[in-house]
N, C-alpha and C. Protein backbone atom coordinates (compact mmCIF):
# COMPACT_ATOMS: atom_id res chain seq x y z
N MET A 1 16.81 18.87 -2.21
CA MET A 1 15.88 18.11 -2.81
C MET A 1 16.13 16.88 -1.56
N GLY A 2 14.56 16.42 -1.51
CA GLY A 2 14.14 15.60 -0.29
C GLY A 2 15.01 13.97 -0.61
N ARG A 3 14.84 13.67 0.81
CA ARG A 3 15.56 12.13 0.81
C ARG A 3 14.66 11.08 0.40
N ARG A 4 15.02 9.97 -0.23
CA ARG A 4 14.23 8.90 -0.84
C ARG A 4 13.56 7.84 0.54
N ARG A 5 12.31 7.48 -0.46
CA ARG A 5 11.33 7.00 0.72
C ARG A 5 12.46 5.35 1.01
N GLY A 6 12.14 5.08 2.10
CA GLY A 6 12.59 3.16 2.20
C GLY A 6 11.34 2.47 1.97
N GLU A 7 11.42 1.66 1.80
CA GLU A 7 10.51 0.23 1.84
C GLU A 7 9.54 0.11 2.83
N VAL A 8 9.69 0.56 4.07
CA VAL A 8 8.74 0.73 5.34
C VAL A 8 7.90 1.77 4.88
N GLN A 9 8.29 2.98 4.50
CA GLN A 9 7.55 4.18 4.13
C GLN A 9 6.71 3.78 2.79
N ILE A 10 7.25 3.16 2.02
CA ILE A 10 6.20 2.94 0.63
C ILE A 10 5.42 1.77 1.24
N ILE A 11 5.41 0.74 2.21
CA ILE A 11 4.40 -0.09 2.18
C ILE A 11 3.43 0.74 2.94
N ILE A 12 3.80 1.51 3.92
CA ILE A 12 2.72 2.44 4.74
C ILE A 12 1.94 3.03 3.47
N ASP A 13 2.75 3.85 2.50
CA ASP A 13 2.35 4.57 1.77
C ASP A 13 0.65 3.76 1.09
N ILE A 14 1.48 2.53 0.55
CA ILE A 14 0.51 1.76 -0.32
C ILE A 14 -0.65 1.17 0.59
N LEU A 15 -0.65 0.69 1.80
CA LEU A 15 -1.55 0.24 2.89
C LEU A 15 -2.59 1.80 3.19
N ASP A 16 -1.69 2.63 3.42
CA ASP A 16 -2.61 3.83 3.87
C ASP A 16 -3.65 3.99 2.43
N ILE A 17 -3.17 4.03 1.25
CA ILE A 17 -3.89 4.48 0.09
C ILE A 17 -5.03 3.15 -0.06
N SER A 18 -4.64 1.97 0.10
CA SER A 18 -5.49 1.31 -0.09
C SER A 18 -6.62 0.81 0.78
N LEU A 19 -6.61 1.34 1.99
CA LEU A 19 -7.93 1.29 2.98
C LEU A 19 -8.87 1.13 2.37
N ARG A 20 -9.05 2.35 1.05
CA ARG A 20 -10.57 2.29 0.06
C ARG A 20 -9.71 1.18 -0.85
N GLU A 21 -11.22 0.83 -1.44
CA GLU A 21 -10.80 0.42 -2.81
C GLU A 21 -10.01 1.29 -4.01
N VAL A 22 -8.95 0.85 -4.68
CA VAL A 22 -8.32 1.77 -5.28
C VAL A 22 -7.95 1.02 -6.62
N LYS A 23 -7.84 1.74 -7.66
CA LYS A 23 -7.22 1.16 -8.99
C LYS A 23 -6.26 1.02 -9.03
N PHE A 24 -5.52 0.34 -9.67
CA PHE A 24 -3.76 0.13 -9.75
C PHE A 24 -3.61 1.22 -9.87
N THR A 25 -4.21 2.01 -11.20
CA THR A 25 -3.36 3.50 -11.61
C THR A 25 -3.61 4.73 -10.85
N HIS A 26 -4.32 4.99 -9.99
CA HIS A 26 -4.46 5.48 -8.81
C HIS A 26 -3.67 5.36 -7.83
N LEU A 27 -3.64 4.08 -7.57
CA LEU A 27 -2.57 3.64 -6.69
C LEU A 27 -1.24 4.59 -6.91
N MET A 28 -1.03 3.84 -8.05
CA MET A 28 0.51 4.14 -8.67
C MET A 28 1.08 5.77 -8.57
N TYR A 29 -0.28 6.68 -9.00
CA TYR A 29 -0.24 8.08 -8.83
C TYR A 29 -0.14 8.49 -7.27
N LYS A 30 -0.84 8.17 -6.51
CA LYS A 30 -0.99 8.41 -5.27
C LYS A 30 0.17 8.26 -4.45
N ALA A 31 1.02 6.73 -4.42
CA ALA A 31 1.80 6.48 -4.04
C ALA A 31 3.43 7.06 -4.65
N ASN A 32 2.77 7.42 -5.79
CA ASN A 32 3.98 8.20 -6.77
C ASN A 32 5.23 7.05 -6.85
N LEU A 33 4.55 5.84 -7.48
CA LEU A 33 5.54 4.67 -7.79
C LEU A 33 5.58 4.86 -9.18
N SER A 34 6.70 4.14 -9.45
CA SER A 34 6.42 3.51 -11.14
C SER A 34 5.47 2.54 -11.33
N TYR A 35 5.08 1.89 -12.64
CA TYR A 35 4.37 0.96 -12.91
C TYR A 35 5.33 -0.60 -12.36
N SER A 36 6.59 -0.58 -12.55
CA SER A 36 7.32 -1.68 -12.21
C SER A 36 7.54 -2.03 -10.80
N THR A 37 7.39 -0.68 -10.18
CA THR A 37 7.87 -0.61 -8.95
C THR A 37 6.75 -1.15 -7.99
N LEU A 38 5.75 -0.53 -8.63
CA LEU A 38 4.26 -0.65 -8.01
C LEU A 38 3.86 -2.33 -8.23
N ARG A 39 4.12 -2.87 -9.27
CA ARG A 39 3.70 -4.41 -9.30
C ARG A 39 4.62 -5.32 -8.76
N LYS A 40 5.98 -4.88 -7.79
CA LYS A 40 6.45 -5.24 -7.09
C LYS A 40 6.05 -5.35 -5.82
N TYR A 41 5.52 -4.53 -5.33
CA TYR A 41 5.54 -3.96 -4.29
C TYR A 41 3.96 -5.08 -3.98
N LEU A 42 3.28 -4.83 -4.79
CA LEU A 42 1.96 -5.45 -4.71
C LEU A 42 1.81 -7.40 -4.82
N SER A 43 2.97 -7.30 -5.39
CA SER A 43 2.96 -8.87 -5.56
C SER A 43 3.38 -9.39 -3.93
N THR A 44 4.63 -8.76 -3.78
CA THR A 44 4.99 -9.30 -2.51
C THR A 44 4.25 -8.99 -1.32
N MET A 45 3.54 -7.88 -1.46
CA MET A 45 2.21 -7.91 -0.35
C MET A 45 0.98 -8.71 -0.48
N SER A 46 0.70 -8.99 -1.70
CA SER A 46 -0.21 -9.83 -1.59
C SER A 46 0.07 -11.35 -1.36
N LYS A 47 1.14 -11.57 -1.92
CA LYS A 47 1.99 -12.96 -0.89
C LYS A 47 1.70 -13.13 0.45
N GLN A 48 1.94 -11.94 1.08
CA GLN A 48 1.97 -11.98 2.20
C GLN A 48 0.51 -11.74 3.01
N GLY A 49 -0.39 -11.50 2.17
CA GLY A 49 -1.86 -11.36 2.63
C GLY A 49 -2.30 -10.08 3.13
N LEU A 50 -1.46 -9.12 2.82
CA LEU A 50 -1.64 -7.34 3.21
C LEU A 50 -2.68 -6.87 2.54
N ILE A 51 -2.76 -7.39 1.06
CA ILE A 51 -3.52 -6.49 0.31
C ILE A 51 -4.34 -7.66 -0.52
N ILE A 52 -5.34 -7.39 -1.32
CA ILE A 52 -6.02 -8.32 -2.24
C ILE A 52 -6.72 -7.31 -3.24
N LYS A 53 -6.66 -7.56 -4.54
CA LYS A 53 -6.87 -7.39 -5.57
C LYS A 53 -8.68 -8.13 -5.84
N VAL A 54 -9.63 -7.07 -5.98
CA VAL A 54 -10.87 -7.75 -6.02
C VAL A 54 -11.68 -7.14 -7.06
N CYS A 55 -12.78 -7.56 -7.75
CA CYS A 55 -14.01 -6.53 -8.83
C CYS A 55 -14.58 -6.00 -7.91
N ASN A 56 -14.88 -4.73 -8.31
CA ASN A 56 -15.73 -4.14 -7.58
C ASN A 56 -17.03 -4.21 -8.23
N ASP A 57 -18.02 -3.19 -7.37
CA ASP A 57 -19.27 -3.13 -7.97
C ASP A 57 -19.41 -2.71 -9.47
N GLU A 58 -18.51 -2.11 -9.93
CA GLU A 58 -18.64 -1.68 -11.13
C GLU A 58 -17.82 -2.34 -12.11
N GLY A 59 -17.22 -3.47 -11.90
CA GLY A 59 -16.41 -4.24 -12.66
C GLY A 59 -14.99 -4.00 -12.85
N SER A 60 -14.47 -2.90 -12.36
CA SER A 60 -13.46 -2.63 -12.35
C SER A 60 -12.71 -3.49 -11.40
N MET A 61 -11.08 -3.93 -11.70
CA MET A 61 -10.21 -4.55 -10.72
C MET A 61 -9.68 -3.29 -9.43
N VAL A 62 -9.85 -3.45 -8.23
CA VAL A 62 -9.33 -2.60 -7.46
C VAL A 62 -8.44 -3.49 -6.23
N TYR A 63 -7.56 -2.78 -5.83
CA TYR A 63 -6.66 -3.03 -4.57
C TYR A 63 -7.37 -2.61 -3.07
N HIS A 64 -7.22 -3.19 -2.25
CA HIS A 64 -7.49 -3.20 -1.15
C HIS A 64 -6.96 -4.02 -0.12
N ALA A 65 -6.57 -2.84 1.16
CA ALA A 65 -5.82 -3.55 2.46
C ALA A 65 -6.60 -5.00 3.20
N THR A 66 -5.75 -5.73 3.21
CA THR A 66 -6.85 -7.01 4.11
C THR A 66 -6.82 -6.59 5.41
N GLU A 67 -7.18 -7.29 6.66
CA GLU A 67 -7.49 -7.10 7.95
C GLU A 67 -5.90 -7.01 8.02
N LYS A 68 -5.15 -8.19 8.04
CA LYS A 68 -4.04 -8.44 8.50
C LYS A 68 -3.30 -7.16 8.00
N GLY A 69 -3.73 -6.29 6.69
CA GLY A 69 -2.93 -5.47 5.97
C GLY A 69 -3.02 -3.96 7.09
N LYS A 70 -4.30 -3.97 7.44
CA LYS A 70 -4.45 -2.86 8.37
C LYS A 70 -4.02 -2.84 9.78
N ARG A 71 -3.73 -4.14 10.11
CA ARG A 71 -3.02 -4.44 11.62
C ARG A 71 -1.61 -4.19 11.41
N VAL A 72 -0.90 -4.57 10.21
CA VAL A 72 0.26 -4.10 10.06
C VAL A 72 0.60 -2.51 9.92
N LEU A 73 -0.55 -1.95 9.31
CA LEU A 73 0.02 -0.57 8.56
C LEU A 73 -0.43 0.05 10.11
N ASP A 74 -1.25 -0.17 10.82
CA ASP A 74 -1.06 0.33 12.61
C ASP A 74 0.32 0.42 13.20
N ARG A 75 0.53 -1.02 13.21
CA ARG A 75 2.04 -1.33 13.76
C ARG A 75 3.00 -0.35 13.27
N LEU A 76 2.94 -0.20 12.19
CA LEU A 76 4.29 0.12 11.27
C LEU A 76 4.11 1.93 11.79
N LYS A 77 2.95 2.48 11.77
CA LYS A 77 2.41 3.50 11.83
C LYS A 77 3.00 4.31 13.83
N GLU A 78 2.82 3.03 14.76
CA GLU A 78 2.99 3.18 15.75
C GLU A 78 4.80 3.29 15.97
N VAL A 79 5.35 2.58 15.24
CA VAL A 79 6.66 2.24 15.08
C VAL A 79 7.47 3.57 14.63
N GLN A 80 6.98 4.14 13.43
CA GLN A 80 7.16 5.15 12.90
C GLN A 80 7.06 6.62 13.97
N TYR A 81 6.11 6.64 14.65
CA TYR A 81 5.61 7.41 15.32
C TYR A 81 6.79 7.79 16.71
N VAL A 82 6.82 6.22 17.22
CA VAL A 82 8.25 6.08 18.31
C VAL A 82 9.22 6.58 18.04
N LEU A 83 9.74 6.46 16.66
CA LEU A 83 11.32 6.77 15.88
C LEU A 83 11.28 8.17 16.12
N SER A 84 10.14 8.90 15.49
CA SER A 84 10.20 10.20 15.42
C SER A 84 9.91 11.02 16.68
N VAL A 85 10.17 10.76 17.92
CA VAL A 85 9.80 11.46 19.09
C VAL A 85 11.50 11.88 19.26
């Protein structure tokens, strides 16, 4: 059985998936998180300015990584790379 993901990996996954607009349910399935766990992370990440909830052209509510979120994602991936070498 595989190892459980840590919080940093979950944040990386959420930001990576949300580089393009994504609905809550799609984000939940792609990130492989429960409803309540994803809500907790999205709430925290929204307060930190890493992700925003917007209405897209079709009238659906979607999540999207902010510029700050994209910068944080890049830095976290750099750290992940350095630690894996």
